[in-house]
Amino acid sequence: MAPIAQSKLTAQGQVSVPAEVRRRLGVGPGAILEWDAQGGTIVVRRAGRYSSEDVHRAVFPKGRPRTRAVAQLKAGIRRYIKKHHARG
């Protein structure tokens, strides 16, 4: 199987992410990538977009948990994500 692309490691330990890889990952400047060991290989992937803290704030905006239905939780998460992560 042929590789998608190749990169060269600089003396400072930096590597450029080839355009085809950026396109496939859907990433651009400022994106966070995760590097993970899986057996004898290293896998690079786009980091999750929302932290557990983002989700917690969406579910508990006042900081005090209360009992909610699943539909209410999902609606709260949607509102929070739209408000804080909307693309302009």
N, C-alpha and C. Protein backbone atom coordinates (compact mmCIF):
# COMPACT_ATOMS: atom_id res chain seq x y z
N MET A 1 0.85 -1.18 0.00
CA MET A 1 0.00 0.00 0.00
C MET A 1 0.89 1.24 0.00
N ALA A 2 0.68 2.16 -0.90
CA ALA A 2 1.48 3.37 -1.01
C ALA A 2 1.03 4.40 0.02
N PRO A 3 1.97 5.17 0.57
CA PRO A 3 1.60 6.21 1.54
C PRO A 3 0.82 7.34 0.88
N ILE A 4 0.01 8.04 1.67
CA ILE A 4 -0.74 9.20 1.17
C ILE A 4 0.23 10.29 0.77
N ALA A 5 1.22 10.54 1.64
CA ALA A 5 2.20 11.61 1.41
C ALA A 5 3.39 11.38 2.32
N GLN A 6 4.43 12.18 2.13
CA GLN A 6 5.61 12.10 2.98
C GLN A 6 5.93 13.48 3.53
N SER A 7 6.58 13.51 4.69
CA SER A 7 7.03 14.76 5.30
C SER A 7 8.46 14.57 5.74
N LYS A 8 9.17 15.69 5.86
CA LYS A 8 10.55 15.65 6.31
C LYS A 8 10.62 16.30 7.69
N LEU A 9 11.29 15.67 8.62
CA LEU A 9 11.46 16.17 9.98
C LEU A 9 12.59 17.19 10.00
N THR A 10 12.34 18.38 10.60
CA THR A 10 13.38 19.41 10.67
C THR A 10 14.30 19.13 11.86
N ALA A 11 15.39 19.86 11.93
CA ALA A 11 16.33 19.72 13.04
C ALA A 11 15.68 20.09 14.37
N GLN A 12 14.63 20.91 14.33
CA GLN A 12 13.91 21.30 15.55
C GLN A 12 12.80 20.32 15.92
N GLY A 13 12.69 19.24 15.19
CA GLY A 13 11.67 18.22 15.48
C GLY A 13 10.29 18.57 14.94
N GLN A 14 10.22 19.49 14.00
CA GLN A 14 8.95 19.89 13.41
C GLN A 14 8.70 19.14 12.11
N VAL A 15 7.43 18.99 11.80
CA VAL A 15 7.06 18.32 10.56
C VAL A 15 5.88 19.08 9.94
N SER A 16 5.88 19.22 8.62
CA SER A 16 4.75 19.83 7.92
C SER A 16 3.74 18.75 7.61
N VAL A 17 2.46 19.09 7.75
CA VAL A 17 1.40 18.14 7.41
C VAL A 17 1.03 18.39 5.96
N PRO A 18 1.21 17.40 5.10
CA PRO A 18 0.93 17.58 3.67
C PRO A 18 -0.53 17.97 3.41
N ALA A 19 -0.74 18.72 2.33
CA ALA A 19 -2.07 19.21 1.98
C ALA A 19 -3.11 18.10 1.90
N GLU A 20 -2.78 16.97 1.31
CA GLU A 20 -3.73 15.86 1.18
C GLU A 20 -4.15 15.33 2.55
N VAL A 21 -3.22 15.26 3.49
CA VAL A 21 -3.53 14.79 4.84
C VAL A 21 -4.41 15.82 5.55
N ARG A 22 -4.08 17.11 5.42
CA ARG A 22 -4.91 18.16 6.03
C ARG A 22 -6.33 18.11 5.47
N ARG A 23 -6.42 17.89 4.17
CA ARG A 23 -7.75 17.82 3.55
C ARG A 23 -8.55 16.64 4.10
N ARG A 24 -7.92 15.49 4.16
CA ARG A 24 -8.61 14.29 4.66
C ARG A 24 -9.00 14.41 6.13
N LEU A 25 -8.17 15.08 6.92
CA LEU A 25 -8.48 15.26 8.35
C LEU A 25 -9.44 16.42 8.57
N GLY A 26 -9.57 17.29 7.57
CA GLY A 26 -10.42 18.46 7.72
C GLY A 26 -9.85 19.47 8.71
N VAL A 27 -8.53 19.69 8.64
CA VAL A 27 -7.88 20.60 9.58
C VAL A 27 -7.21 21.75 8.86
N GLY A 28 -6.96 22.82 9.61
CA GLY A 28 -6.29 23.99 9.08
C GLY A 28 -5.42 24.60 10.17
N PRO A 29 -4.97 25.82 9.96
CA PRO A 29 -4.12 26.49 10.95
C PRO A 29 -4.77 26.53 12.33
N GLY A 30 -4.01 26.20 13.33
CA GLY A 30 -4.50 26.21 14.71
C GLY A 30 -5.17 24.92 15.15
N ALA A 31 -5.37 23.98 14.23
CA ALA A 31 -6.01 22.71 14.58
C ALA A 31 -5.09 21.92 15.51
N ILE A 32 -5.70 21.14 16.38
CA ILE A 32 -4.97 20.28 17.30
C ILE A 32 -5.01 18.85 16.74
N LEU A 33 -3.84 18.23 16.65
CA LEU A 33 -3.75 16.84 16.19
C LEU A 33 -3.33 15.96 17.36
N GLU A 34 -3.87 14.75 17.40
CA GLU A 34 -3.49 13.76 18.41
C GLU A 34 -2.59 12.72 17.76
N TRP A 35 -1.55 12.32 18.47
CA TRP A 35 -0.64 11.27 18.02
C TRP A 35 -0.82 10.11 18.98
N ASP A 36 -1.07 8.91 18.46
CA ASP A 36 -1.35 7.76 19.31
C ASP A 36 -0.58 6.54 18.79
N ALA A 37 -0.06 5.75 19.72
CA ALA A 37 0.63 4.51 19.36
C ALA A 37 -0.39 3.38 19.32
N GLN A 38 -0.41 2.65 18.21
CA GLN A 38 -1.29 1.49 18.06
C GLN A 38 -0.45 0.35 17.52
N GLY A 39 -0.04 -0.51 18.42
CA GLY A 39 0.85 -1.59 18.03
C GLY A 39 2.19 -1.02 17.62
N GLY A 40 2.64 -1.35 16.43
CA GLY A 40 3.93 -0.87 15.95
C GLY A 40 3.83 0.37 15.07
N THR A 41 2.67 1.04 15.07
CA THR A 41 2.50 2.23 14.24
C THR A 41 2.06 3.43 15.07
N ILE A 42 2.22 4.61 14.51
CA ILE A 42 1.74 5.84 15.13
C ILE A 42 0.59 6.36 14.27
N VAL A 43 -0.51 6.68 14.91
CA VAL A 43 -1.69 7.18 14.22
C VAL A 43 -1.87 8.65 14.57
N VAL A 44 -2.10 9.47 13.54
CA VAL A 44 -2.36 10.89 13.74
C VAL A 44 -3.81 11.14 13.37
N ARG A 45 -4.54 11.86 14.26
CA ARG A 45 -5.94 12.17 13.98
C ARG A 45 -6.27 13.55 14.52
N ARG A 46 -7.35 14.10 14.04
CA ARG A 46 -7.84 15.39 14.53
C ARG A 46 -8.33 15.18 15.96
N ALA A 47 -7.95 16.08 16.85
CA ALA A 47 -8.39 15.99 18.24
C ALA A 47 -9.89 16.27 18.32
N GLY A 48 -10.51 15.76 19.38
CA GLY A 48 -11.93 16.02 19.59
C GLY A 48 -12.20 17.51 19.64
N ARG A 49 -13.33 17.90 19.14
CA ARG A 49 -13.65 19.32 19.04
C ARG A 49 -14.12 19.92 20.35
N TYR A 50 -14.74 19.13 21.22
CA TYR A 50 -15.29 19.66 22.45
C TYR A 50 -14.73 18.89 23.64
N SER A 51 -14.30 19.62 24.63
CA SER A 51 -13.76 18.99 25.83
C SER A 51 -14.91 18.57 26.75
N SER A 52 -14.60 17.74 27.73
CA SER A 52 -15.62 17.35 28.70
C SER A 52 -16.09 18.57 29.48
N GLU A 53 -15.20 19.56 29.64
CA GLU A 53 -15.59 20.80 30.32
C GLU A 53 -16.63 21.56 29.50
N ASP A 54 -16.48 21.59 28.18
CA ASP A 54 -17.48 22.22 27.32
C ASP A 54 -18.85 21.56 27.51
N VAL A 55 -18.86 20.25 27.50
CA VAL A 55 -20.11 19.50 27.66
C VAL A 55 -20.70 19.77 29.04
N HIS A 56 -19.87 19.76 30.09
CA HIS A 56 -20.37 20.00 31.45
C HIS A 56 -21.02 21.38 31.55
N ARG A 57 -20.37 22.40 30.99
CA ARG A 57 -20.95 23.75 31.03
C ARG A 57 -22.27 23.82 30.27
N ALA A 58 -22.38 23.06 29.18
CA ALA A 58 -23.62 23.05 28.41
C ALA A 58 -24.75 22.39 29.19
N VAL A 59 -24.41 21.33 29.89
CA VAL A 59 -25.42 20.59 30.65
C VAL A 59 -25.77 21.33 31.95
N PHE A 60 -24.79 21.94 32.59
CA PHE A 60 -24.98 22.62 33.88
C PHE A 60 -24.55 24.08 33.78
N PRO A 61 -25.29 24.93 33.05
CA PRO A 61 -24.85 26.31 32.84
C PRO A 61 -24.73 27.12 34.13
N LYS A 62 -25.49 26.81 35.15
CA LYS A 62 -25.43 27.55 36.41
C LYS A 62 -24.47 26.89 37.40
N GLY A 63 -23.86 25.78 37.01
CA GLY A 63 -22.93 25.08 37.88
C GLY A 63 -23.57 24.14 38.87
N ARG A 64 -24.90 24.09 38.88
CA ARG A 64 -25.60 23.22 39.84
C ARG A 64 -26.43 22.19 39.08
N PRO A 65 -26.05 20.91 39.16
CA PRO A 65 -26.79 19.87 38.43
C PRO A 65 -28.22 19.71 38.95
N ARG A 66 -29.11 19.39 38.04
CA ARG A 66 -30.48 19.01 38.42
C ARG A 66 -30.94 17.93 37.46
N THR A 67 -31.95 17.22 37.81
CA THR A 67 -32.45 16.12 36.99
C THR A 67 -33.07 16.68 35.71
N ARG A 68 -32.66 16.10 34.59
CA ARG A 68 -33.18 16.51 33.28
C ARG A 68 -33.42 15.30 32.41
N ALA A 69 -34.33 15.45 31.47
CA ALA A 69 -34.59 14.40 30.49
C ALA A 69 -33.48 14.44 29.44
N VAL A 70 -33.27 13.34 28.74
CA VAL A 70 -32.24 13.27 27.71
C VAL A 70 -32.46 14.34 26.64
N ALA A 71 -33.69 14.58 26.25
CA ALA A 71 -33.98 15.60 25.24
C ALA A 71 -33.55 16.98 25.73
N GLN A 72 -33.74 17.26 27.02
CA GLN A 72 -33.33 18.55 27.58
C GLN A 72 -31.80 18.66 27.58
N LEU A 73 -31.12 17.58 27.90
CA LEU A 73 -29.65 17.59 27.90
C LEU A 73 -29.13 17.87 26.49
N LYS A 74 -29.68 17.18 25.50
CA LYS A 74 -29.23 17.37 24.12
C LYS A 74 -29.51 18.80 23.65
N ALA A 75 -30.66 19.35 24.00
CA ALA A 75 -31.00 20.72 23.61
C ALA A 75 -30.03 21.71 24.25
N GLY A 76 -29.68 21.49 25.50
CA GLY A 76 -28.73 22.37 26.19
C GLY A 76 -27.35 22.32 25.56
N ILE A 77 -26.92 21.14 25.20
CA ILE A 77 -25.61 20.98 24.55
C ILE A 77 -25.62 21.69 23.20
N ARG A 78 -26.69 21.52 22.42
CA ARG A 78 -26.81 22.18 21.12
C ARG A 78 -26.75 23.69 21.25
N ARG A 79 -27.50 24.25 22.23
CA ARG A 79 -27.49 25.71 22.44
C ARG A 79 -26.09 26.20 22.79
N TYR A 80 -25.43 25.50 23.69
CA TYR A 80 -24.10 25.92 24.12
C TYR A 80 -23.11 25.88 22.96
N ILE A 81 -23.11 24.81 22.20
CA ILE A 81 -22.16 24.64 21.10
C ILE A 81 -22.42 25.72 20.04
N LYS A 82 -23.69 25.97 19.70
CA LYS A 82 -24.01 27.00 18.72
C LYS A 82 -23.52 28.37 19.21
N LYS A 83 -23.75 28.67 20.46
CA LYS A 83 -23.38 29.98 21.00
C LYS A 83 -21.86 30.18 21.06
N HIS A 84 -21.13 29.15 21.49
CA HIS A 84 -19.70 29.29 21.73
C HIS A 84 -18.80 28.83 20.59
N HIS A 85 -19.35 28.08 19.64
CA HIS A 85 -18.50 27.54 18.58
C HIS A 85 -19.08 27.77 17.19
N ALA A 86 -19.94 28.76 17.06
CA ALA A 86 -20.55 29.05 15.75
C ALA A 86 -19.49 29.59 14.79
N ARG A 87 -19.58 29.16 13.57
CA ARG A 87 -18.67 29.67 12.53
C ARG A 87 -19.33 30.89 11.90
N GLY A 88 -18.56 31.95 11.75
CA GLY A 88 -19.15 33.20 11.24
C GLY A 88 -18.96 33.43 9.84
